[in-house]
Amino acid sequence: MVEVSFYHLQVQPLEQALPKLLVKVFERGMKALIRVKEDEMADYLNNLLWTYQPDSFLPHGLDSEKSPEAQPILISTSVDQNLNDANVLVLLQDTDAADLENYDRCLYMFDGNDQSSLGKARARWKLFKDQGCTVTYWQQSEKGWQQKA
């Protein structure tokens, strides 16, 4: 069954935390699919991954561009397509994961300073547990990510 890791953002915003996690995924030779709800967020992340650090590069693209299957990191609004054959699914904006069983790992990131996001994360935790997924909870601190559950 899929391992789902919840990442509770409290210290660094998504713009800082997401690229760091994606670097680890890429360095381990895995492919990632970032799933978002809105095209605006997809475009925002596409720009972010080009500019987040001036001296590094994370190969990525949008699912609307040519050859999405060739991208090690793909940003998508589709809730049921794994166009780049990723083994890591990154869920942002409480996006659905109808095809969760097609991945080895899932990273669910949410803003711990937003009550709505917290409520949605709690509901997703219960849903994933009920589906039989292995679920872990990582909380962000000044010292980095700490596993809490």
N, C-alpha and C. Protein backbone atom coordinates (compact mmCIF):
# COMPACT_ATOMS: atom_id res chain seq x y z
N MET A 1 0.85 -1.18 0.00
CA MET A 1 0.00 0.00 0.00
C MET A 1 0.89 1.24 0.00
N VAL A 2 0.35 2.33 -0.44
CA VAL A 2 1.06 3.59 -0.59
C VAL A 2 1.38 4.20 0.78
N GLU A 3 2.58 4.75 0.90
CA GLU A 3 2.97 5.49 2.09
C GLU A 3 2.64 6.96 1.85
N VAL A 4 1.81 7.53 2.73
CA VAL A 4 1.42 8.94 2.62
C VAL A 4 2.06 9.71 3.77
N SER A 5 2.85 10.72 3.43
CA SER A 5 3.50 11.57 4.44
C SER A 5 2.86 12.95 4.41
N PHE A 6 2.34 13.35 5.55
CA PHE A 6 1.75 14.68 5.69
C PHE A 6 2.84 15.64 6.14
N TYR A 7 2.99 16.75 5.42
CA TYR A 7 3.99 17.76 5.73
C TYR A 7 3.28 19.04 6.16
N HIS A 8 3.37 19.32 7.46
CA HIS A 8 2.70 20.43 8.11
C HIS A 8 3.62 21.64 8.09
N LEU A 9 3.35 22.57 7.18
CA LEU A 9 4.17 23.77 7.02
C LEU A 9 3.85 24.77 8.13
N GLN A 10 4.89 25.13 8.91
CA GLN A 10 4.69 26.09 9.98
C GLN A 10 5.75 27.18 9.98
N VAL A 11 6.97 26.85 9.57
CA VAL A 11 8.07 27.80 9.64
C VAL A 11 8.36 28.40 8.28
N GLN A 12 8.60 27.55 7.31
CA GLN A 12 8.85 28.00 5.94
C GLN A 12 7.59 27.87 5.11
N PRO A 13 7.36 28.78 4.19
CA PRO A 13 6.21 28.65 3.31
C PRO A 13 6.46 27.56 2.26
N LEU A 14 5.41 27.22 1.56
CA LEU A 14 5.49 26.22 0.50
C LEU A 14 6.60 26.54 -0.50
N GLU A 15 6.75 27.81 -0.83
CA GLU A 15 7.74 28.24 -1.82
C GLU A 15 9.17 27.86 -1.44
N GLN A 16 9.44 27.72 -0.16
CA GLN A 16 10.77 27.32 0.30
C GLN A 16 10.85 25.82 0.57
N ALA A 17 9.79 25.25 1.13
CA ALA A 17 9.81 23.84 1.53
C ALA A 17 9.68 22.88 0.35
N LEU A 18 8.80 23.18 -0.58
CA LEU A 18 8.56 22.26 -1.70
C LEU A 18 9.81 22.00 -2.53
N PRO A 19 10.53 23.02 -2.97
CA PRO A 19 11.73 22.74 -3.77
C PRO A 19 12.75 21.85 -3.05
N LYS A 20 12.90 22.03 -1.75
CA LYS A 20 13.84 21.21 -0.98
C LYS A 20 13.44 19.74 -0.99
N LEU A 21 12.14 19.48 -0.84
CA LEU A 21 11.67 18.09 -0.89
C LEU A 21 11.83 17.51 -2.29
N LEU A 22 11.57 18.31 -3.31
CA LEU A 22 11.71 17.84 -4.68
C LEU A 22 13.15 17.54 -5.04
N VAL A 23 14.09 18.31 -4.50
CA VAL A 23 15.51 18.02 -4.73
C VAL A 23 15.84 16.63 -4.20
N LYS A 24 15.33 16.29 -3.02
CA LYS A 24 15.58 14.96 -2.44
C LYS A 24 14.97 13.86 -3.30
N VAL A 25 13.78 14.08 -3.79
CA VAL A 25 13.12 13.10 -4.67
C VAL A 25 13.97 12.90 -5.93
N PHE A 26 14.38 13.99 -6.55
CA PHE A 26 15.15 13.94 -7.78
C PHE A 26 16.52 13.29 -7.56
N GLU A 27 17.18 13.63 -6.46
CA GLU A 27 18.50 13.05 -6.17
C GLU A 27 18.43 11.55 -5.95
N ARG A 28 17.29 11.04 -5.53
CA ARG A 28 17.11 9.60 -5.31
C ARG A 28 16.68 8.88 -6.58
N GLY A 29 16.65 9.62 -7.69
CA GLY A 29 16.32 9.00 -8.97
C GLY A 29 14.85 8.70 -9.16
N MET A 30 14.00 9.33 -8.36
CA MET A 30 12.56 9.12 -8.48
C MET A 30 11.95 10.24 -9.31
N LYS A 31 10.75 9.98 -9.82
CA LYS A 31 9.99 10.99 -10.54
C LYS A 31 8.83 11.45 -9.66
N ALA A 32 8.48 12.73 -9.80
CA ALA A 32 7.40 13.30 -9.00
C ALA A 32 6.33 13.91 -9.89
N LEU A 33 5.11 13.77 -9.45
CA LEU A 33 3.97 14.45 -10.06
C LEU A 33 3.40 15.37 -8.99
N ILE A 34 3.39 16.66 -9.26
CA ILE A 34 2.81 17.65 -8.34
C ILE A 34 1.40 17.92 -8.82
N ARG A 35 0.43 17.64 -7.99
CA ARG A 35 -0.97 17.82 -8.38
C ARG A 35 -1.56 19.01 -7.64
N VAL A 36 -2.13 19.94 -8.42
CA VAL A 36 -2.77 21.14 -7.88
C VAL A 36 -4.17 21.27 -8.48
N LYS A 37 -4.99 22.12 -7.89
CA LYS A 37 -6.36 22.30 -8.36
C LYS A 37 -6.50 23.34 -9.46
N GLU A 38 -5.62 24.34 -9.45
CA GLU A 38 -5.82 25.49 -10.33
C GLU A 38 -4.66 25.68 -11.30
N ASP A 39 -4.99 26.07 -12.53
CA ASP A 39 -3.96 26.36 -13.53
C ASP A 39 -3.03 27.47 -13.06
N GLU A 40 -3.59 28.45 -12.34
CA GLU A 40 -2.77 29.56 -11.84
C GLU A 40 -1.69 29.05 -10.89
N MET A 41 -2.05 28.08 -10.05
CA MET A 41 -1.07 27.51 -9.12
C MET A 41 -0.03 26.69 -9.89
N ALA A 42 -0.45 25.99 -10.92
CA ALA A 42 0.49 25.22 -11.74
C ALA A 42 1.50 26.17 -12.38
N ASP A 43 1.03 27.27 -12.94
CA ASP A 43 1.93 28.25 -13.56
C ASP A 43 2.85 28.87 -12.52
N TYR A 44 2.31 29.16 -11.35
CA TYR A 44 3.11 29.73 -10.28
C TYR A 44 4.25 28.79 -9.88
N LEU A 45 3.93 27.51 -9.70
CA LEU A 45 4.96 26.53 -9.32
C LEU A 45 5.98 26.33 -10.43
N ASN A 46 5.52 26.35 -11.66
CA ASN A 46 6.43 26.23 -12.80
C ASN A 46 7.47 27.36 -12.75
N ASN A 47 7.02 28.58 -12.54
CA ASN A 47 7.94 29.72 -12.43
C ASN A 47 8.83 29.60 -11.19
N LEU A 48 8.25 29.18 -10.08
CA LEU A 48 9.00 29.03 -8.84
C LEU A 48 10.17 28.06 -9.01
N LEU A 49 9.92 26.93 -9.64
CA LEU A 49 10.97 25.91 -9.78
C LEU A 49 12.08 26.35 -10.72
N TRP A 50 11.82 27.33 -11.56
CA TRP A 50 12.88 27.90 -12.40
C TRP A 50 13.73 28.90 -11.63
N THR A 51 13.15 29.52 -10.61
CA THR A 51 13.81 30.67 -9.98
C THR A 51 14.11 30.50 -8.50
N TYR A 52 13.71 29.41 -7.86
CA TYR A 52 13.81 29.31 -6.41
C TYR A 52 15.24 29.41 -5.90
N GLN A 53 16.21 29.00 -6.69
CA GLN A 53 17.60 29.09 -6.30
C GLN A 53 18.43 29.37 -7.56
N PRO A 54 19.15 30.48 -7.59
CA PRO A 54 19.84 30.89 -8.81
C PRO A 54 20.92 29.92 -9.29
N ASP A 55 21.49 29.14 -8.39
CA ASP A 55 22.61 28.27 -8.78
C ASP A 55 22.24 26.79 -8.91
N SER A 56 20.95 26.49 -9.00
CA SER A 56 20.57 25.09 -9.18
C SER A 56 19.42 24.98 -10.17
N PHE A 57 19.13 23.75 -10.56
CA PHE A 57 18.11 23.51 -11.57
C PHE A 57 17.38 22.23 -11.23
N LEU A 58 16.07 22.29 -11.21
CA LEU A 58 15.23 21.11 -11.06
C LEU A 58 14.47 20.91 -12.36
N PRO A 59 14.78 19.86 -13.12
CA PRO A 59 14.08 19.65 -14.38
C PRO A 59 12.60 19.37 -14.13
N HIS A 60 11.76 20.13 -14.79
CA HIS A 60 10.32 20.00 -14.57
C HIS A 60 9.57 20.58 -15.76
N GLY A 61 8.27 20.37 -15.75
CA GLY A 61 7.41 20.94 -16.78
C GLY A 61 5.95 20.83 -16.38
N LEU A 62 5.11 21.39 -17.22
CA LEU A 62 3.66 21.33 -17.04
C LEU A 62 3.08 20.21 -17.89
N ASP A 63 1.99 19.63 -17.44
CA ASP A 63 1.38 18.55 -18.22
C ASP A 63 0.80 19.03 -19.55
N SER A 64 0.64 20.35 -19.71
CA SER A 64 0.11 20.91 -20.96
C SER A 64 1.19 21.12 -22.01
N GLU A 65 2.45 20.95 -21.63
CA GLU A 65 3.55 21.16 -22.56
C GLU A 65 3.87 19.88 -23.32
N LYS A 66 4.71 20.01 -24.34
CA LYS A 66 5.12 18.84 -25.12
C LYS A 66 5.89 17.86 -24.26
N SER A 67 5.70 16.59 -24.53
CA SER A 67 6.42 15.48 -23.89
C SER A 67 6.38 15.49 -22.36
N PRO A 68 5.19 15.53 -21.78
CA PRO A 68 5.13 15.50 -20.31
C PRO A 68 5.73 14.21 -19.74
N GLU A 69 5.69 13.14 -20.52
CA GLU A 69 6.22 11.86 -20.05
C GLU A 69 7.73 11.90 -19.81
N ALA A 70 8.42 12.86 -20.38
CA ALA A 70 9.87 12.96 -20.23
C ALA A 70 10.30 13.77 -19.01
N GLN A 71 9.35 14.36 -18.31
CA GLN A 71 9.68 15.25 -17.20
C GLN A 71 9.90 14.46 -15.89
N PRO A 72 11.04 14.65 -15.23
CA PRO A 72 11.24 14.02 -13.92
C PRO A 72 10.31 14.59 -12.85
N ILE A 73 9.93 15.86 -13.02
CA ILE A 73 8.98 16.51 -12.12
C ILE A 73 7.92 17.16 -13.00
N LEU A 74 6.68 16.73 -12.84
CA LEU A 74 5.59 17.23 -13.67
C LEU A 74 4.55 17.89 -12.79
N ILE A 75 4.06 19.05 -13.21
CA ILE A 75 3.02 19.79 -12.49
C ILE A 75 1.72 19.61 -13.27
N SER A 76 0.66 19.19 -12.57
CA SER A 76 -0.57 18.82 -13.25
C SER A 76 -1.80 19.23 -12.46
N THR A 77 -2.89 19.48 -13.19
CA THR A 77 -4.19 19.70 -12.56
C THR A 77 -5.11 18.49 -12.73
N SER A 78 -4.63 17.47 -13.40
CA SER A 78 -5.42 16.27 -13.61
C SER A 78 -5.46 15.43 -12.33
N VAL A 79 -6.63 14.94 -11.96
CA VAL A 79 -6.75 14.17 -10.72
C VAL A 79 -6.55 12.68 -10.91
N ASP A 80 -6.36 12.24 -12.14
CA ASP A 80 -6.26 10.78 -12.33
C ASP A 80 -5.28 10.37 -13.42
N GLN A 81 -4.32 11.20 -13.74
CA GLN A 81 -3.34 10.85 -14.76
C GLN A 81 -1.93 10.97 -14.21
N ASN A 82 -1.12 9.98 -14.52
CA ASN A 82 0.28 9.97 -14.13
C ASN A 82 1.09 9.98 -15.43
N LEU A 83 1.11 11.11 -16.09
CA LEU A 83 1.68 11.21 -17.43
C LEU A 83 3.19 10.99 -17.49
N ASN A 84 3.89 11.22 -16.39
CA ASN A 84 5.35 11.02 -16.41
C ASN A 84 5.76 9.75 -15.67
N ASP A 85 4.79 8.87 -15.38
CA ASP A 85 5.06 7.61 -14.70
C ASP A 85 5.82 7.84 -13.39
N ALA A 86 5.36 8.84 -12.63
CA ALA A 86 5.99 9.20 -11.36
C ALA A 86 5.74 8.13 -10.31
N ASN A 87 6.69 8.01 -9.39
CA ASN A 87 6.47 7.12 -8.25
C ASN A 87 6.17 7.92 -6.98
N VAL A 88 6.30 9.26 -7.04
CA VAL A 88 5.98 10.12 -5.91
C VAL A 88 4.91 11.12 -6.35
N LEU A 89 3.81 11.14 -5.62
CA LEU A 89 2.72 12.08 -5.87
C LEU A 89 2.77 13.16 -4.79
N VAL A 90 2.80 14.42 -5.21
CA VAL A 90 2.79 15.55 -4.28
C VAL A 90 1.43 16.22 -4.39
N LEU A 91 0.69 16.23 -3.30
CA LEU A 91 -0.64 16.84 -3.31
C LEU A 91 -0.60 18.20 -2.62
N LEU A 92 -1.03 19.22 -3.36
CA LEU A 92 -1.15 20.58 -2.84
C LEU A 92 -2.59 21.02 -3.01
N GLN A 93 -3.01 21.99 -2.23
CA GLN A 93 -4.36 22.55 -2.32
C GLN A 93 -5.43 21.49 -2.03
N ASP A 94 -5.13 20.50 -1.22
CA ASP A 94 -6.07 19.42 -0.89
C ASP A 94 -6.65 18.78 -2.14
N THR A 95 -5.79 18.56 -3.12
CA THR A 95 -6.20 17.97 -4.39
C THR A 95 -6.52 16.49 -4.22
N ASP A 96 -7.49 16.00 -4.97
CA ASP A 96 -7.88 14.59 -4.91
C ASP A 96 -6.78 13.69 -5.46
N ALA A 97 -6.83 12.45 -5.02
CA ALA A 97 -5.88 11.44 -5.49
C ALA A 97 -6.64 10.15 -5.81
N ALA A 98 -7.44 10.21 -6.86
CA ALA A 98 -8.24 9.05 -7.24
C ALA A 98 -7.37 7.87 -7.67
N ASP A 99 -6.14 8.15 -8.06
CA ASP A 99 -5.23 7.11 -8.55
C ASP A 99 -4.07 6.86 -7.59
N LEU A 100 -4.29 7.07 -6.32
CA LEU A 100 -3.23 6.96 -5.31
C LEU A 100 -2.47 5.64 -5.38
N GLU A 101 -3.15 4.58 -5.73
CA GLU A 101 -2.52 3.25 -5.77
C GLU A 101 -1.45 3.14 -6.86
N ASN A 102 -1.35 4.12 -7.75
CA ASN A 102 -0.35 4.09 -8.82
C ASN A 102 0.99 4.67 -8.40
N TYR A 103 1.15 5.01 -7.13
CA TYR A 103 2.37 5.65 -6.64
C TYR A 103 2.96 4.85 -5.49
N ASP A 104 4.25 5.00 -5.27
CA ASP A 104 4.90 4.38 -4.12
C ASP A 104 4.76 5.26 -2.88
N ARG A 105 4.83 6.58 -3.10
CA ARG A 105 4.76 7.53 -2.01
C ARG A 105 3.87 8.69 -2.39
N CYS A 106 3.31 9.30 -1.38
CA CYS A 106 2.51 10.51 -1.57
C CYS A 106 2.93 11.51 -0.49
N LEU A 107 3.18 12.73 -0.91
CA LEU A 107 3.52 13.82 0.01
C LEU A 107 2.36 14.81 0.00
N TYR A 108 1.69 14.93 1.11
CA TYR A 108 0.55 15.84 1.23
C TYR A 108 1.03 17.04 2.04
N MET A 109 1.12 18.20 1.39
CA MET A 109 1.64 19.41 2.04
C MET A 109 0.49 20.37 2.34
N PHE A 110 0.51 20.92 3.56
CA PHE A 110 -0.56 21.85 3.93
C PHE A 110 -0.03 22.94 4.86
N ASP A 111 -0.68 24.08 4.81
CA ASP A 111 -0.30 25.26 5.59
C ASP A 111 -0.86 25.14 7.00
N GLY A 112 0.02 24.99 7.96
CA GLY A 112 -0.40 24.84 9.35
C GLY A 112 -0.90 26.11 9.99
N ASN A 113 -0.77 27.23 9.31
CA ASN A 113 -1.24 28.51 9.83
C ASN A 113 -2.63 28.87 9.31
N ASP A 114 -3.23 27.97 8.56
CA ASP A 114 -4.55 28.19 7.97
C ASP A 114 -5.51 27.12 8.51
N GLN A 115 -6.52 27.55 9.26
CA GLN A 115 -7.45 26.61 9.90
C GLN A 115 -8.19 25.75 8.89
N SER A 116 -8.53 26.31 7.75
CA SER A 116 -9.21 25.55 6.71
C SER A 116 -8.31 24.42 6.20
N SER A 117 -7.04 24.73 5.96
CA SER A 117 -6.09 23.71 5.49
C SER A 117 -5.90 22.62 6.54
N LEU A 118 -5.85 23.01 7.81
CA LEU A 118 -5.72 22.03 8.89
C LEU A 118 -6.91 21.06 8.91
N GLY A 119 -8.10 21.60 8.78
CA GLY A 119 -9.30 20.77 8.77
C GLY A 119 -9.32 19.80 7.59
N LYS A 120 -8.93 20.29 6.43
CA LYS A 120 -8.89 19.44 5.25
C LYS A 120 -7.82 18.35 5.39
N ALA A 121 -6.68 18.70 5.98
CA ALA A 121 -5.62 17.71 6.19
C ALA A 121 -6.08 16.62 7.15
N ARG A 122 -6.79 17.00 8.19
CA ARG A 122 -7.31 16.00 9.13
C ARG A 122 -8.28 15.04 8.44
N ALA A 123 -9.13 15.59 7.58
CA ALA A 123 -10.08 14.74 6.84
C ALA A 123 -9.34 13.80 5.89
N ARG A 124 -8.30 14.30 5.23
CA ARG A 124 -7.50 13.46 4.31
C ARG A 124 -6.77 12.37 5.08
N TRP A 125 -6.24 12.72 6.26
CA TRP A 125 -5.55 11.74 7.10
C TRP A 125 -6.49 10.56 7.36
N LYS A 126 -7.70 10.88 7.81
CA LYS A 126 -8.68 9.83 8.12
C LYS A 126 -9.00 9.02 6.86
N LEU A 127 -9.21 9.69 5.74
CA LEU A 127 -9.54 9.00 4.49
C LEU A 127 -8.42 8.04 4.09
N PHE A 128 -7.17 8.51 4.11
CA PHE A 128 -6.05 7.66 3.72
C PHE A 128 -5.87 6.49 4.69
N LYS A 129 -6.06 6.73 5.99
CA LYS A 129 -5.97 5.64 6.97
C LYS A 129 -7.06 4.60 6.70
N ASP A 130 -8.27 5.09 6.43
CA ASP A 130 -9.38 4.18 6.15
C ASP A 130 -9.15 3.36 4.88
N GLN A 131 -8.36 3.90 3.94
CA GLN A 131 -8.03 3.18 2.70
C GLN A 131 -6.90 2.17 2.92
N GLY A 132 -6.33 2.15 4.13
CA GLY A 132 -5.28 1.20 4.43
C GLY A 132 -3.88 1.68 4.13
N CYS A 133 -3.73 2.97 3.86
CA CYS A 133 -2.39 3.53 3.58
C CYS A 133 -1.58 3.63 4.87
N THR A 134 -0.27 3.51 4.74
CA THR A 134 0.63 3.84 5.83
C THR A 134 0.75 5.35 5.86
N VAL A 135 0.41 5.97 6.99
CA VAL A 135 0.36 7.42 7.08
C VAL A 135 1.34 7.91 8.14
N THR A 136 2.16 8.90 7.77
CA THR A 136 3.06 9.54 8.73
C THR A 136 2.82 11.04 8.71
N TYR A 137 3.19 11.67 9.82
CA TYR A 137 2.97 13.10 9.99
C TYR A 137 4.30 13.77 10.33
N TRP A 138 4.68 14.75 9.51
CA TRP A 138 5.92 15.49 9.69
C TRP A 138 5.59 16.95 9.96
N GLN A 139 6.14 17.46 11.05
CA GLN A 139 5.89 18.85 11.42
C GLN A 139 7.17 19.65 11.22
N GLN A 140 7.01 20.81 10.65
CA GLN A 140 8.15 21.68 10.37
C GLN A 140 8.51 22.47 11.63
N SER A 141 9.82 22.55 11.90
CA SER A 141 10.30 23.35 13.02
C SER A 141 11.52 24.12 12.57
N GLU A 142 12.07 24.90 13.45
CA GLU A 142 13.28 25.67 13.13
C GLU A 142 14.45 24.75 12.80
N LYS A 143 14.42 23.52 13.31
CA LYS A 143 15.50 22.55 13.10
C LYS A 143 15.25 21.65 11.89
N GLY A 144 14.14 21.81 11.22
CA GLY A 144 13.82 20.97 10.06
C GLY A 144 12.56 20.16 10.31
N TRP A 145 12.38 19.10 9.54
CA TRP A 145 11.19 18.26 9.64
C TRP A 145 11.37 17.27 10.78
N GLN A 146 10.34 17.13 11.61
CA GLN A 146 10.35 16.18 12.70
C GLN A 146 9.12 15.30 12.59
N GLN A 147 9.34 13.98 12.62
CA GLN A 147 8.22 13.06 12.54
C GLN A 147 7.50 13.03 13.88
N LYS A 148 6.20 13.27 13.84
CA LYS A 148 5.39 13.31 15.05
C LYS A 148 4.43 12.13 15.15
N ALA A 149 4.13 11.51 14.04
CA ALA A 149 3.22 10.34 14.06
C ALA A 149 3.50 9.47 12.85
